[in-house]
Structure formats: structure tokens, C-alpha cells
Amino acid sequence: MKEFSSTRVRIILPIVTFIMLVAFDQITKLIAVVRLKPIGTYPVIPGILSFTYLENSGAGFGILQGARWFFIVFTVVVLIGIVWYYIKLPQKRPYNYVRAGLVILASGAVGNGIDRLLNGFVIDFLHVRFINFPIFNIADIYVSIATFMLAIIMLFFIKEDDKI
């Protein structure tokens, strides 16, 4: 019975986590559309952090504007790669963290992918003003955290003989 519940947790927990992360991203974007779009910007901490509504048809830093179908196809290819890699990972403890990173990465990709598919653009709304950083969203945070997390894990915690 313990093996069954362990297997069930290995399958259900990542799916539930993925759904919750994507839902949180989409809810924050819906709030941005309803509450922020009509006013454009709302200073949270003046000069430091604002909620600023932006419809981004490109990628980070505004590159590749209007390349909607490229991003949709790219997202599907990345998701296939993430799922394949996730399945192929050894059932060893260090790889649990890699799996967590992959779930977070997939959540960010899907969150922005949903926007591109439904709207033709990504809804961004977080603006760090004091460093003039590009406006971003929760899915972008997921992708950044997961990328950093996976790099650290793969560079410093996975031994060469453990790698796939």
C-alpha cells in the first residue's frame, strides 16, 4: 500500500501543483485586466514598484514583437521536452528538486502560452521602477525562478555519474 500512495503522490502532486501555479498566474492577469487596464498604472511604492498594465506581443525586453505563432509552437516544443525529461529522470532524491523546477518552468510556459493563444499577447503588470526593469508577470517569475533553480541544482548538486 505504501508503494501505491508513493506512486500516486509522485503523479498527482506535480499535476496539482502545476494547475495551482497556472491558475494563480491566470487569476492575477484577470485581476490586472479588470482592475488595472482601465487606469493603466497604480503605484504600490512610488518610484519603486507599480502595477502597470501592458499587452506584450513579444518576448522579454520587448524582443520579437508580433511573433505569436513562433512563441506558441516554441512553448509546445518546450513542454514536450520538459515532460520527456521529467519522465526520464532517475527516481533519486536530488532529482526531486529537478522535477519541482520542471513543474515550475512548465507552469510559467503554460501561463504565458494561454495568454498568447487566447489574446495574441501576454498580460504583464509588475513594474520595478527603480531599476527601470521591463514590466513582467507571475509566469515570468516562475520561469526565472525555475531556470535559476535548475542551473544551481544541475551545476552543484547533481554528480556527473548521476546525470542522464
C-alpha atoms as a PDB file:
ATOM      1  CA  MET A   1       0.000   0.000   0.000  1.00  0.00           C
ATOM      2  CA  LYS A   2       2.880   2.404   0.761  1.00  0.00           C
ATOM      3  CA  GLU A   3       4.253   1.975  -2.773  1.00  0.00           C
ATOM      4  CA  PHE A   4       0.836   2.801  -4.256  1.00  0.00           C
ATOM      5  CA  SER A   5       0.478   6.011  -2.249  1.00  0.00           C
ATOM      6  CA  SER A   6       4.063   6.995  -3.070  1.00  0.00           C
ATOM      7  CA  THR A   7       3.372   6.441  -6.773  1.00  0.00           C
ATOM      8  CA  ARG A   8       0.111   8.347  -6.520  1.00  0.00           C
ATOM      9  CA  VAL A   9       1.862  11.278  -4.823  1.00  0.00           C
ATOM     10  CA  ARG A  10       4.595  11.254  -7.498  1.00  0.00           C
ATOM     11  CA  ILE A  11       1.909  11.597 -10.162  1.00  0.00           C
ATOM     12  CA  ILE A  12      -0.797  13.697  -8.514  1.00  0.00           C
ATOM     13  CA  LEU A  13       1.309  16.221  -6.572  1.00  0.00           C
ATOM     14  CA  PRO A  14       3.099  17.660  -9.635  1.00  0.00           C
ATOM     15  CA  ILE A  15      -0.177  17.857 -11.586  1.00  0.00           C
ATOM     16  CA  VAL A  16      -1.991  19.636  -8.738  1.00  0.00           C
ATOM     17  CA  THR A  17       0.977  21.974  -8.210  1.00  0.00           C
ATOM     18  CA  PHE A  18       1.101  22.753 -11.941  1.00  0.00           C
ATOM     19  CA  ILE A  19      -2.639  23.504 -12.054  1.00  0.00           C
ATOM     20  CA  MET A  20      -2.446  25.724  -8.963  1.00  0.00           C
ATOM     21  CA  LEU A  21       0.526  27.697 -10.287  1.00  0.00           C
ATOM     22  CA  VAL A  22      -1.085  28.246 -13.701  1.00  0.00           C
ATOM     23  CA  ALA A  23      -4.382  29.195 -12.025  1.00  0.00           C
ATOM     24  CA  PHE A  24      -2.636  31.736  -9.792  1.00  0.00           C
ATOM     25  CA  ASP A  25      -0.912  33.282 -12.816  1.00  0.00           C
ATOM     26  CA  GLN A  26      -4.167  33.474 -14.781  1.00  0.00           C
ATOM     27  CA  ILE A  27      -6.115  34.911 -11.831  1.00  0.00           C
ATOM     28  CA  THR A  28      -3.546  37.672 -11.333  1.00  0.00           C
ATOM     29  CA  LYS A  29      -3.747  38.501 -15.038  1.00  0.00           C
ATOM     30  CA  LEU A  30      -7.541  38.577 -14.903  1.00  0.00           C
ATOM     31  CA  ILE A  31      -7.361  40.981 -11.961  1.00  0.00           C
ATOM     32  CA  ALA A  32      -4.916  43.123 -13.958  1.00  0.00           C
ATOM     33  CA  VAL A  33      -7.350  43.257 -16.889  1.00  0.00           C
ATOM     34  CA  VAL A  34     -10.374  44.079 -14.743  1.00  0.00           C
ATOM     35  CA  ARG A  35      -8.809  46.482 -12.239  1.00  0.00           C
ATOM     36  CA  LEU A  36      -5.641  47.792 -13.865  1.00  0.00           C
ATOM     37  CA  LYS A  37      -6.362  48.084 -17.570  1.00  0.00           C
ATOM     38  CA  PRO A  38      -8.870  50.944 -17.086  1.00  0.00           C
ATOM     39  CA  ILE A  39      -6.376  53.029 -15.059  1.00  0.00           C
ATOM     40  CA  GLY A  40      -3.076  51.953 -16.677  1.00  0.00           C
ATOM     41  CA  THR A  41      -0.834  52.136 -13.644  1.00  0.00           C
ATOM     42  CA  TYR A  42      -1.125  52.037  -9.882  1.00  0.00           C
ATOM     43  CA  PRO A  43       1.898  52.959  -7.740  1.00  0.00           C
ATOM     44  CA  VAL A  44       2.347  50.442  -4.922  1.00  0.00           C
ATOM     45  CA  ILE A  45       5.549  52.005  -3.588  1.00  0.00           C
ATOM     46  CA  PRO A  46       6.053  55.260  -5.534  1.00  0.00           C
ATOM     47  CA  GLY A  47       9.256  55.259  -7.541  1.00  0.00           C
ATOM     48  CA  ILE A  48       9.975  51.636  -6.653  1.00  0.00           C
ATOM     49  CA  LEU A  49       7.103  49.292  -7.568  1.00  0.00           C
ATOM     50  CA  SER A  50       3.972  49.843  -9.636  1.00  0.00           C
ATOM     51  CA  PHE A  51       1.244  47.734 -11.121  1.00  0.00           C
ATOM     52  CA  THR A  52       1.304  48.791 -14.774  1.00  0.00           C
ATOM     53  CA  TYR A  53      -0.929  47.151 -17.375  1.00  0.00           C
ATOM     54  CA  LEU A  54       0.864  46.106 -20.573  1.00  0.00           C
ATOM     55  CA  GLU A  55      -0.124  43.879 -23.502  1.00  0.00           C
ATOM     56  CA  ASN A  56       3.156  42.357 -24.679  1.00  0.00           C
ATOM     57  CA  SER A  57       3.073  40.673 -28.092  1.00  0.00           C
ATOM     58  CA  GLY A  58       6.778  39.859 -27.921  1.00  0.00           C
ATOM     59  CA  ALA A  59       9.170  38.219 -25.504  1.00  0.00           C
ATOM     60  CA  GLY A  60      11.167  39.611 -22.597  1.00  0.00           C
ATOM     61  CA  PHE A  61      12.525  43.110 -23.071  1.00  0.00           C
ATOM     62  CA  GLY A  62      10.078  43.585 -25.960  1.00  0.00           C
ATOM     63  CA  ILE A  63      12.002  41.470 -28.482  1.00  0.00           C
ATOM     64  CA  LEU A  64      10.303  39.556 -31.312  1.00  0.00           C
ATOM     65  CA  GLN A  65       7.121  41.664 -31.233  1.00  0.00           C
ATOM     66  CA  GLY A  66       4.214  40.041 -33.081  1.00  0.00           C
ATOM     67  CA  ALA A  67       5.777  36.567 -33.308  1.00  0.00           C
ATOM     68  CA  ARG A  68       2.699  34.948 -31.714  1.00  0.00           C
ATOM     69  CA  TRP A  69       2.767  31.619 -33.571  1.00  0.00           C
ATOM     70  CA  PHE A  70       6.505  31.239 -33.134  1.00  0.00           C
ATOM     71  CA  PHE A  71       6.030  31.538 -29.359  1.00  0.00           C
ATOM     72  CA  ILE A  72       3.074  29.144 -29.331  1.00  0.00           C
ATOM     73  CA  VAL A  73       4.988  26.482 -31.284  1.00  0.00           C
ATOM     74  CA  PHE A  74       8.106  27.093 -29.178  1.00  0.00           C
ATOM     75  CA  THR A  75       6.058  26.666 -25.980  1.00  0.00           C
ATOM     76  CA  VAL A  76       4.608  23.351 -27.179  1.00  0.00           C
ATOM     77  CA  VAL A  77       8.086  22.065 -28.098  1.00  0.00           C
ATOM     78  CA  VAL A  78       9.487  23.157 -24.727  1.00  0.00           C
ATOM     79  CA  LEU A  79       6.607  21.484 -22.878  1.00  0.00           C
ATOM     80  CA  ILE A  80       7.172  18.227 -24.768  1.00  0.00           C
ATOM     81  CA  GLY A  81      10.845  18.422 -23.785  1.00  0.00           C
ATOM     82  CA  ILE A  82      10.011  19.139 -20.151  1.00  0.00           C
ATOM     83  CA  VAL A  83       7.578  16.195 -19.936  1.00  0.00           C
ATOM     84  CA  TRP A  84      10.037  13.843 -21.651  1.00  0.00           C
ATOM     85  CA  TYR A  85      12.894  14.913 -19.370  1.00  0.00           C
ATOM     86  CA  TYR A  86      10.650  14.711 -16.283  1.00  0.00           C
ATOM     87  CA  ILE A  87       9.694  11.123 -17.112  1.00  0.00           C
ATOM     88  CA  LYS A  88      13.289  10.091 -17.853  1.00  0.00           C
ATOM     89  CA  LEU A  89      14.744  11.432 -14.592  1.00  0.00           C
ATOM     90  CA  PRO A  90      16.036   8.802 -12.163  1.00  0.00           C
ATOM     91  CA  GLN A  91      13.989   8.202  -9.023  1.00  0.00           C
ATOM     92  CA  LYS A  92      16.727   9.601  -6.767  1.00  0.00           C
ATOM     93  CA  ARG A  93      16.379  12.338  -4.158  1.00  0.00           C
ATOM     94  CA  PRO A  94      18.357  15.117  -5.926  1.00  0.00           C
ATOM     95  CA  TYR A  95      16.091  14.718  -8.930  1.00  0.00           C
ATOM     96  CA  ASN A  96      13.011  15.550  -6.866  1.00  0.00           C
ATOM     97  CA  TYR A  97      14.274  19.134  -6.892  1.00  0.00           C
ATOM     98  CA  VAL A  98      14.840  18.966 -10.639  1.00  0.00           C
ATOM     99  CA  ARG A  99      11.267  17.729 -11.048  1.00  0.00           C
ATOM    100  CA  ALA A 100       9.997  20.622  -8.910  1.00  0.00           C
ATOM    101  CA  GLY A 101      11.927  23.052 -11.090  1.00  0.00           C
ATOM    102  CA  LEU A 102      10.484  21.492 -14.237  1.00  0.00           C
ATOM    103  CA  VAL A 103       6.926  21.797 -12.872  1.00  0.00           C
ATOM    104  CA  ILE A 104       7.519  25.483 -12.078  1.00  0.00           C
ATOM    105  CA  LEU A 105       9.087  26.063 -15.510  1.00  0.00           C
ATOM    106  CA  ALA A 106       6.184  24.340 -17.278  1.00  0.00           C
ATOM    107  CA  SER A 107       3.706  26.410 -15.250  1.00  0.00           C
ATOM    108  CA  GLY A 108       5.306  29.631 -16.422  1.00  0.00           C
ATOM    109  CA  ALA A 109       5.434  28.492 -20.028  1.00  0.00           C
ATOM    110  CA  VAL A 110       1.780  27.445 -19.989  1.00  0.00           C
ATOM    111  CA  GLY A 111       0.680  30.607 -18.160  1.00  0.00           C
ATOM    112  CA  ASN A 112       2.133  32.835 -20.869  1.00  0.00           C
ATOM    113  CA  GLY A 113       1.154  30.340 -23.578  1.00  0.00           C
ATOM    114  CA  ILE A 114      -2.503  30.591 -22.582  1.00  0.00           C
ATOM    115  CA  ASP A 115      -2.299  34.374 -22.977  1.00  0.00           C
ATOM    116  CA  ARG A 116      -0.701  34.128 -26.404  1.00  0.00           C
ATOM    117  CA  LEU A 117      -3.234  31.563 -27.579  1.00  0.00           C
ATOM    118  CA  LEU A 118      -6.330  33.361 -26.281  1.00  0.00           C
ATOM    119  CA  ASN A 119      -5.305  37.012 -26.597  1.00  0.00           C
ATOM    120  CA  GLY A 120      -2.425  37.153 -29.061  1.00  0.00           C
ATOM    121  CA  PHE A 121      -0.321  38.828 -26.361  1.00  0.00           C
ATOM    122  CA  VAL A 122       0.889  38.284 -22.808  1.00  0.00           C
ATOM    123  CA  ILE A 123      -0.558  40.370 -20.000  1.00  0.00           C
ATOM    124  CA  ASP A 124       2.217  41.964 -17.940  1.00  0.00           C
ATOM    125  CA  PHE A 125       1.597  44.116 -14.874  1.00  0.00           C
ATOM    126  CA  LEU A 126       4.524  44.134 -12.419  1.00  0.00           C
ATOM    127  CA  HIS A 127       6.866  47.092 -12.872  1.00  0.00           C
ATOM    128  CA  VAL A 128      10.024  47.512 -10.804  1.00  0.00           C
ATOM    129  CA  ARG A 129      10.649  51.186 -11.465  1.00  0.00           C
ATOM    130  CA  PHE A 130      13.805  51.989  -9.503  1.00  0.00           C
ATOM    131  CA  ILE A 131      15.943  49.872 -11.841  1.00  0.00           C
ATOM    132  CA  ASN A 132      13.736  50.517 -14.891  1.00  0.00           C
ATOM    133  CA  PHE A 133      13.159  46.785 -15.335  1.00  0.00           C
ATOM    134  CA  PRO A 134      10.748  45.651 -18.072  1.00  0.00           C
ATOM    135  CA  ILE A 135       7.167  45.016 -16.968  1.00  0.00           C
ATOM    136  CA  PHE A 136       6.566  41.324 -16.225  1.00  0.00           C
ATOM    137  CA  ASN A 137       4.033  38.879 -14.733  1.00  0.00           C
ATOM    138  CA  ILE A 138       3.793  35.895 -12.391  1.00  0.00           C
ATOM    139  CA  ALA A 139       4.541  33.358 -15.161  1.00  0.00           C
ATOM    140  CA  ASP A 140       7.763  35.244 -15.910  1.00  0.00           C
ATOM    141  CA  ILE A 141       8.687  34.909 -12.235  1.00  0.00           C
ATOM    142  CA  TYR A 142       8.078  31.148 -12.454  1.00  0.00           C
ATOM    143  CA  VAL A 143      10.331  30.828 -15.497  1.00  0.00           C
ATOM    144  CA  SER A 144      13.101  32.910 -13.890  1.00  0.00           C
ATOM    145  CA  ILE A 145      12.992  31.055 -10.568  1.00  0.00           C
ATOM    146  CA  ALA A 146      12.893  27.645 -12.258  1.00  0.00           C
ATOM    147  CA  THR A 147      15.771  28.474 -14.598  1.00  0.00           C
ATOM    148  CA  PHE A 148      17.940  29.701 -11.717  1.00  0.00           C
ATOM    149  CA  MET A 149      16.925  26.756  -9.540  1.00  0.00           C
ATOM    150  CA  LEU A 150      17.644  24.166 -12.245  1.00  0.00           C
ATOM    151  CA  ALA A 151      21.006  25.733 -13.081  1.00  0.00           C
ATOM    152  CA  ILE A 152      22.127  25.668  -9.436  1.00  0.00           C
ATOM    153  CA  ILE A 153      20.913  22.090  -8.926  1.00  0.00           C
ATOM    154  CA  MET A 154      22.480  20.769 -12.119  1.00  0.00           C
ATOM    155  CA  LEU A 155      25.771  22.600 -11.577  1.00  0.00           C
ATOM    156  CA  PHE A 156      26.313  21.956  -7.883  1.00  0.00           C
ATOM    157  CA  PHE A 157      24.138  19.119  -6.613  1.00  0.00           C
ATOM    158  CA  ILE A 158      23.882  16.504  -9.350  1.00  0.00           C
ATOM    159  CA  LYS A 159      27.007  14.404  -9.677  1.00  0.00           C
ATOM    160  CA  GLU A 160      28.352  13.667 -13.135  1.00  0.00           C
ATOM    161  CA  ASP A 161      27.730   9.908 -12.737  1.00  0.00           C
ATOM    162  CA  ASP A 162      24.085  10.673 -11.753  1.00  0.00           C
ATOM    163  CA  LYS A 163      23.275  12.615 -14.918  1.00  0.00           C
ATOM    164  CA  ILE A 164      21.049  11.110 -17.568  1.00  0.00           C
END
